[in-house]
Amino acid sequence: MRSRKPLVVGNWKMNGDRASGERLLSALVKGVDAALGARVGVAVCPPYPYLEQARAALEGAPIELGAQDVSSFDNGAYTGEVSATMLLDFGCRWAIVGHSERRALFGDDDEAVVAKAGRALEHGLGVIVCVGETLDEREGELTETVLARQVGALKAIGSKADAQRFVVAYEPVWAIGTGRTASPEQAQSAHAFIRARLADAGFAAATNTRILYGGSVKPANAESLFAMPDIDGGLIGGAALSADDFIAIARAAANAQG
């Protein structure tokens, strides 16, 4: 049995409305019982407008609440931003930072990702830092170069991070929402590399840091991915919008723990 408790996080992205959210949350509360919650950490990250709805629905359930991003600034004159303290006020335990869509579409570079993660950790908000390569970078045999750069940038926040509130998610960009998935062996190689680079960057808890896989995880492939020794759960996109699929993935992560 591995010492790291697996974690499965649902990233709803910019999907849903109040009605669909209510149905999904209700089904998750029914399907993730205390027994499952004891074996695997479960969290969901809905869009900002639905955080209060989710907080109320999840009260008392073994499911944590997270946000899809967080500002690098504290409260102040930053129109459109949402601070770590605001997220904590809504009961959030996690924030995703550096998701490939944020990097590609909104210009979140390594410096911005580190600033956001550092600000969240300063306030006691857990972070899930996303790293990963594009298809061109993988085909150019640059996967390790890209990961080394992205993980190396995190050195600046190594002293603020602990294994309970700091998580890394490896998401091969070419496998997100495409139906393509890295093989378990490809994913394991990247995860092992990331863990080694965390240690090189001065993360004392690198051995105990959870590294999630994110890239078209489904019930059909979850078990084989989570069986790999350095894959500690998943950051789930499309499948997180189906309660049955998401719960099945969470059970696969729990079963992989042994």
Protein backbone atom coordinates (compact mmCIF):
# COMPACT_ATOMS: atom_id res chain seq x y z
CA MET A 1 0.00 0.00 0.00
CA ARG A 2 1.42 3.41 -0.96
CA SER A 3 1.67 6.04 1.74
CA ARG A 4 0.19 8.89 -0.33
CA LYS A 5 -3.61 9.08 -0.11
CA PRO A 6 -4.91 9.38 -3.68
CA LEU A 7 -6.81 12.46 -4.75
CA VAL A 8 -9.39 12.82 -7.52
CA VAL A 9 -10.40 16.35 -8.50
CA GLY A 10 -13.21 17.29 -10.86
CA ASN A 11 -12.57 20.38 -12.98
CA TRP A 12 -15.95 21.42 -14.37
CA LYS A 13 -14.35 24.16 -16.50
CA MET A 14 -16.90 26.67 -17.89
CA ASN A 15 -19.80 24.24 -17.97
CA GLY A 16 -23.19 23.88 -16.34
CA ASP A 17 -25.92 25.99 -14.81
CA ARG A 18 -27.71 25.96 -11.46
CA ALA A 19 -30.06 23.13 -12.43
CA SER A 20 -27.42 20.80 -13.85
CA GLY A 21 -25.09 21.64 -10.99
CA GLU A 22 -27.74 20.72 -8.46
CA ARG A 23 -28.28 17.34 -10.14
CA LEU A 24 -24.56 16.62 -10.35
CA LEU A 25 -23.81 17.65 -6.79
CA SER A 26 -26.73 15.65 -5.43
CA ALA A 27 -25.56 12.53 -7.24
CA LEU A 28 -21.99 13.01 -6.01
CA VAL A 29 -23.09 13.42 -2.40
CA LYS A 30 -25.05 10.17 -2.67
CA GLY A 31 -22.24 8.28 -4.39
CA VAL A 32 -19.21 9.39 -2.38
CA ASP A 33 -19.84 7.94 1.05
CA ALA A 34 -17.63 8.06 4.13
CA ALA A 35 -16.04 4.71 3.32
CA LEU A 36 -14.89 5.90 -0.09
CA GLY A 37 -13.86 9.27 1.29
CA ALA A 38 -11.63 7.56 3.83
CA ARG A 39 -9.67 5.88 1.03
CA VAL A 40 -9.45 8.67 -1.54
CA GLY A 41 -9.60 12.44 -1.36
CA VAL A 42 -12.35 13.84 -3.58
CA ALA A 43 -12.81 17.46 -4.64
CA VAL A 44 -14.81 19.38 -7.21
CA CYS A 45 -14.00 22.73 -8.82
CA PRO A 46 -17.11 24.40 -10.30
CA PRO A 47 -17.12 27.82 -11.97
CA TYR A 48 -16.89 30.79 -9.58
CA PRO A 49 -20.62 31.71 -9.70
CA TYR A 50 -21.60 28.27 -8.40
CA LEU A 51 -19.19 28.02 -5.46
CA GLU A 52 -21.86 28.92 -2.90
CA GLN A 53 -24.31 26.43 -4.40
CA ALA A 54 -21.64 23.74 -4.23
CA ARG A 55 -20.59 24.69 -0.70
CA ALA A 56 -24.14 24.29 0.55
CA ALA A 57 -24.71 21.03 -1.31
CA LEU A 58 -21.46 19.46 -0.09
CA GLU A 59 -21.87 20.37 3.57
CA GLY A 60 -21.15 17.28 5.64
CA ALA A 61 -20.07 15.21 2.63
CA PRO A 62 -16.52 13.83 2.23
CA ILE A 63 -15.99 16.02 -0.83
CA GLU A 64 -13.85 19.16 -0.74
CA LEU A 65 -14.52 22.32 -2.72
CA GLY A 66 -12.03 23.98 -5.02
CA ALA A 67 -11.79 26.80 -7.55
CA GLN A 68 -10.43 26.74 -11.07
CA ASP A 69 -8.03 29.63 -10.55
CA VAL A 70 -6.95 32.21 -7.96
CA SER A 71 -5.49 35.69 -8.17
CA SER A 72 -1.85 36.42 -7.46
CA PHE A 73 -3.02 39.61 -5.73
CA ASP A 74 -4.56 40.16 -2.35
CA ASN A 75 -7.85 42.05 -2.08
CA GLY A 76 -7.83 45.47 -3.72
CA ALA A 77 -8.31 47.31 -7.00
CA TYR A 78 -8.00 44.30 -9.30
CA THR A 79 -11.21 44.23 -11.33
CA GLY A 80 -12.30 40.75 -12.32
CA GLU A 81 -9.91 38.95 -9.98
CA VAL A 82 -10.84 36.56 -7.16
CA SER A 83 -8.49 36.38 -4.18
CA ALA A 84 -7.45 33.45 -2.01
CA THR A 85 -9.22 34.95 1.00
CA MET A 86 -12.45 35.19 -0.99
CA LEU A 87 -12.19 31.54 -1.96
CA LEU A 88 -11.54 30.55 1.63
CA ASP A 89 -14.60 32.57 2.65
CA PHE A 90 -16.64 30.31 0.36
CA GLY A 91 -15.20 27.17 1.94
CA CYS A 92 -12.71 26.35 -0.80
CA ARG A 93 -9.84 24.08 0.17
CA TRP A 94 -8.15 24.03 -3.25
CA ALA A 95 -7.39 26.19 -6.26
CA ILE A 96 -6.12 24.97 -9.61
CA VAL A 97 -3.29 27.07 -11.03
CA GLY A 98 -1.47 26.85 -14.33
CA HIS A 99 -4.02 24.72 -16.15
CA SER A 100 -2.99 24.33 -19.78
CA GLU A 101 -6.02 26.31 -20.90
CA ARG A 102 -4.99 29.20 -18.64
CA ARG A 103 -1.45 29.01 -19.97
CA ALA A 104 -2.46 28.81 -23.64
CA LEU A 105 -5.52 31.08 -23.76
CA PHE A 106 -4.91 33.63 -21.00
CA GLY A 107 -1.16 34.00 -20.89
CA ASP A 108 -0.43 32.40 -17.53
CA ASP A 109 3.31 31.82 -17.81
CA ASP A 110 5.55 30.12 -15.23
CA GLU A 111 6.03 33.39 -13.33
CA ALA A 112 2.30 33.98 -13.05
CA VAL A 113 1.66 30.39 -11.98
CA VAL A 114 4.26 30.61 -9.22
CA ALA A 115 2.83 33.93 -8.02
CA LYS A 116 -0.69 32.53 -7.85
CA ALA A 117 0.42 29.35 -6.10
CA GLY A 118 2.53 31.26 -3.62
CA ARG A 119 -0.27 33.66 -2.73
CA ALA A 120 -2.71 30.79 -2.19
CA LEU A 121 -0.27 28.92 0.05
CA GLU A 122 0.42 32.05 2.10
CA HIS A 123 -3.27 32.15 3.00
CA GLY A 124 -3.58 28.41 3.69
CA LEU A 125 -5.38 27.57 0.46
CA GLY A 126 -4.23 24.32 -1.13
CA VAL A 127 -3.00 24.45 -4.72
CA ILE A 128 -3.00 22.01 -7.63
CA VAL A 129 -0.24 23.19 -9.96
CA CYS A 130 -0.60 21.95 -13.54
CA VAL A 131 2.36 21.16 -15.77
CA GLY A 132 2.62 19.41 -19.12
CA GLU A 133 3.82 19.48 -22.70
CA THR A 134 2.08 20.11 -26.02
CA LEU A 135 1.96 17.59 -28.86
CA ASP A 136 4.67 19.46 -30.77
CA GLU A 137 6.88 19.41 -27.68
CA ARG A 138 6.38 15.69 -27.14
CA GLU A 139 7.02 14.87 -30.79
CA GLY A 140 10.11 17.07 -30.60
CA GLU A 141 11.31 15.02 -27.61
CA LEU A 142 11.08 18.08 -25.39
CA THR A 143 8.81 16.63 -22.70
CA GLU A 144 11.47 16.53 -20.00
CA THR A 145 12.83 19.95 -20.99
CA VAL A 146 9.39 21.52 -20.61
CA LEU A 147 8.63 19.73 -17.34
CA ALA A 148 12.04 20.64 -15.92
CA ARG A 149 11.38 24.31 -16.66
CA GLN A 150 7.84 24.32 -15.27
CA VAL A 151 8.72 22.37 -12.11
CA GLY A 152 12.00 24.23 -11.63
CA ALA A 153 10.09 27.52 -11.51
CA LEU A 154 8.28 26.24 -8.42
CA LYS A 155 11.51 26.36 -6.43
CA ALA A 156 10.50 29.86 -5.33
CA ILE A 157 7.59 28.47 -3.29
CA GLY A 158 9.19 25.23 -2.08
CA SER A 159 9.49 26.49 1.49
CA LYS A 160 5.75 27.30 1.60
CA ALA A 161 4.58 23.92 0.32
CA ASP A 162 3.65 20.87 2.36
CA ALA A 163 2.53 17.53 1.06
CA GLN A 164 -1.05 17.95 2.26
CA ARG A 165 -1.82 21.28 0.58
CA PHE A 166 0.54 21.22 -2.42
CA VAL A 167 -0.30 18.96 -5.36
CA VAL A 168 1.09 18.75 -8.90
CA ALA A 169 -1.02 17.65 -11.86
CA TYR A 170 0.68 16.35 -14.99
CA GLU A 171 -1.49 17.05 -17.99
CA PRO A 172 -0.09 16.20 -21.40
CA VAL A 173 -1.78 18.98 -23.35
CA TRP A 174 -2.21 16.74 -26.38
CA ALA A 175 -4.43 14.41 -24.34
CA ILE A 176 -6.83 16.96 -22.83
CA GLY A 177 -10.31 16.72 -24.29
CA THR A 178 -9.00 14.89 -27.35
CA GLY A 179 -9.85 11.34 -26.36
CA ARG A 180 -6.14 10.53 -26.57
CA THR A 181 -4.50 9.36 -23.38
CA ALA A 182 -0.88 8.86 -22.45
CA SER A 183 -0.19 5.19 -21.89
CA PRO A 184 0.26 4.22 -18.24
CA GLU A 185 3.96 3.80 -18.95
CA GLN A 186 4.27 7.25 -20.58
CA ALA A 187 2.40 8.84 -17.70
CA GLN A 188 4.47 7.02 -15.08
CA SER A 189 7.70 8.14 -16.72
CA ALA A 190 6.57 11.78 -16.63
CA HIS A 191 5.37 11.51 -13.02
CA ALA A 192 8.63 9.95 -11.85
CA PHE A 193 10.54 12.71 -13.62
CA ILE A 194 8.40 15.39 -11.98
CA ARG A 195 8.94 13.88 -8.53
CA ALA A 196 12.68 13.85 -9.07
CA ARG A 197 12.64 17.46 -10.24
CA LEU A 198 10.63 18.51 -7.19
CA ALA A 199 13.34 17.02 -5.00
CA ASP A 200 15.99 18.85 -7.05
CA ALA A 201 14.03 22.09 -6.59
CA GLY A 202 14.25 21.76 -2.83
CA PHE A 203 10.85 20.32 -1.98
CA ALA A 204 11.58 18.42 1.20
CA ALA A 205 8.28 16.57 0.89
CA ALA A 206 8.75 15.52 -2.76
CA THR A 207 8.40 11.83 -1.87
CA ASN A 208 5.03 12.48 -0.23
CA THR A 209 3.73 15.04 -2.72
CA ARG A 210 0.77 13.80 -4.69
CA ILE A 211 1.11 14.00 -8.47
CA LEU A 212 -2.15 13.64 -10.38
CA TYR A 213 -2.64 12.65 -14.00
CA GLY A 214 -4.95 14.78 -16.15
CA GLY A 215 -5.61 13.88 -19.75
CA SER A 216 -8.86 12.21 -20.84
CA VAL A 217 -9.14 9.98 -17.76
CA LYS A 218 -12.20 7.74 -17.99
CA PRO A 219 -13.51 4.78 -15.98
CA ALA A 220 -12.13 2.48 -18.68
CA ASN A 221 -8.52 3.63 -18.30
CA ALA A 222 -8.43 4.93 -14.73
CA GLU A 223 -7.45 1.65 -13.08
CA SER A 224 -4.43 1.05 -15.30
CA LEU A 225 -3.23 4.66 -14.89
CA PHE A 226 -3.67 4.73 -11.13
CA ALA A 227 -1.83 1.41 -10.74
CA MET A 228 1.42 3.19 -11.64
CA PRO A 229 3.55 3.86 -8.54
CA ASP A 230 3.93 7.64 -9.02
CA ILE A 231 0.37 8.40 -10.18
CA ASP A 232 -1.62 9.46 -7.14
CA GLY A 233 -5.03 10.16 -8.65
CA GLY A 234 -6.42 12.39 -11.35
CA LEU A 235 -7.46 15.86 -12.37
CA ILE A 236 -10.63 15.02 -14.26
CA GLY A 237 -12.22 17.21 -16.94
CA GLY A 238 -15.03 15.91 -19.14
CA ALA A 239 -15.72 12.81 -17.05
CA ALA A 240 -16.23 15.02 -13.97
CA LEU A 241 -19.51 16.22 -15.48
CA SER A 242 -20.94 12.69 -15.16
CA ALA A 243 -21.49 11.62 -11.56
CA ASP A 244 -21.34 7.94 -12.48
CA ASP A 245 -18.05 8.33 -14.36
CA PHE A 246 -16.46 10.54 -11.71
CA ILE A 247 -17.41 8.21 -8.87
CA ALA A 248 -16.11 5.21 -10.85
CA ILE A 249 -12.79 7.01 -11.31
CA ALA A 250 -12.63 7.81 -7.59
CA ARG A 251 -13.25 4.13 -6.79
CA ALA A 252 -10.49 3.14 -9.20
CA ALA A 253 -8.10 5.45 -7.35
CA ALA A 254 -9.14 3.99 -4.00
CA ASN A 255 -8.67 0.45 -5.27
CA ALA A 256 -5.20 1.25 -6.60
CA GLN A 257 -4.10 2.21 -3.11
CA GLY A 258 -4.30 -1.43 -2.14
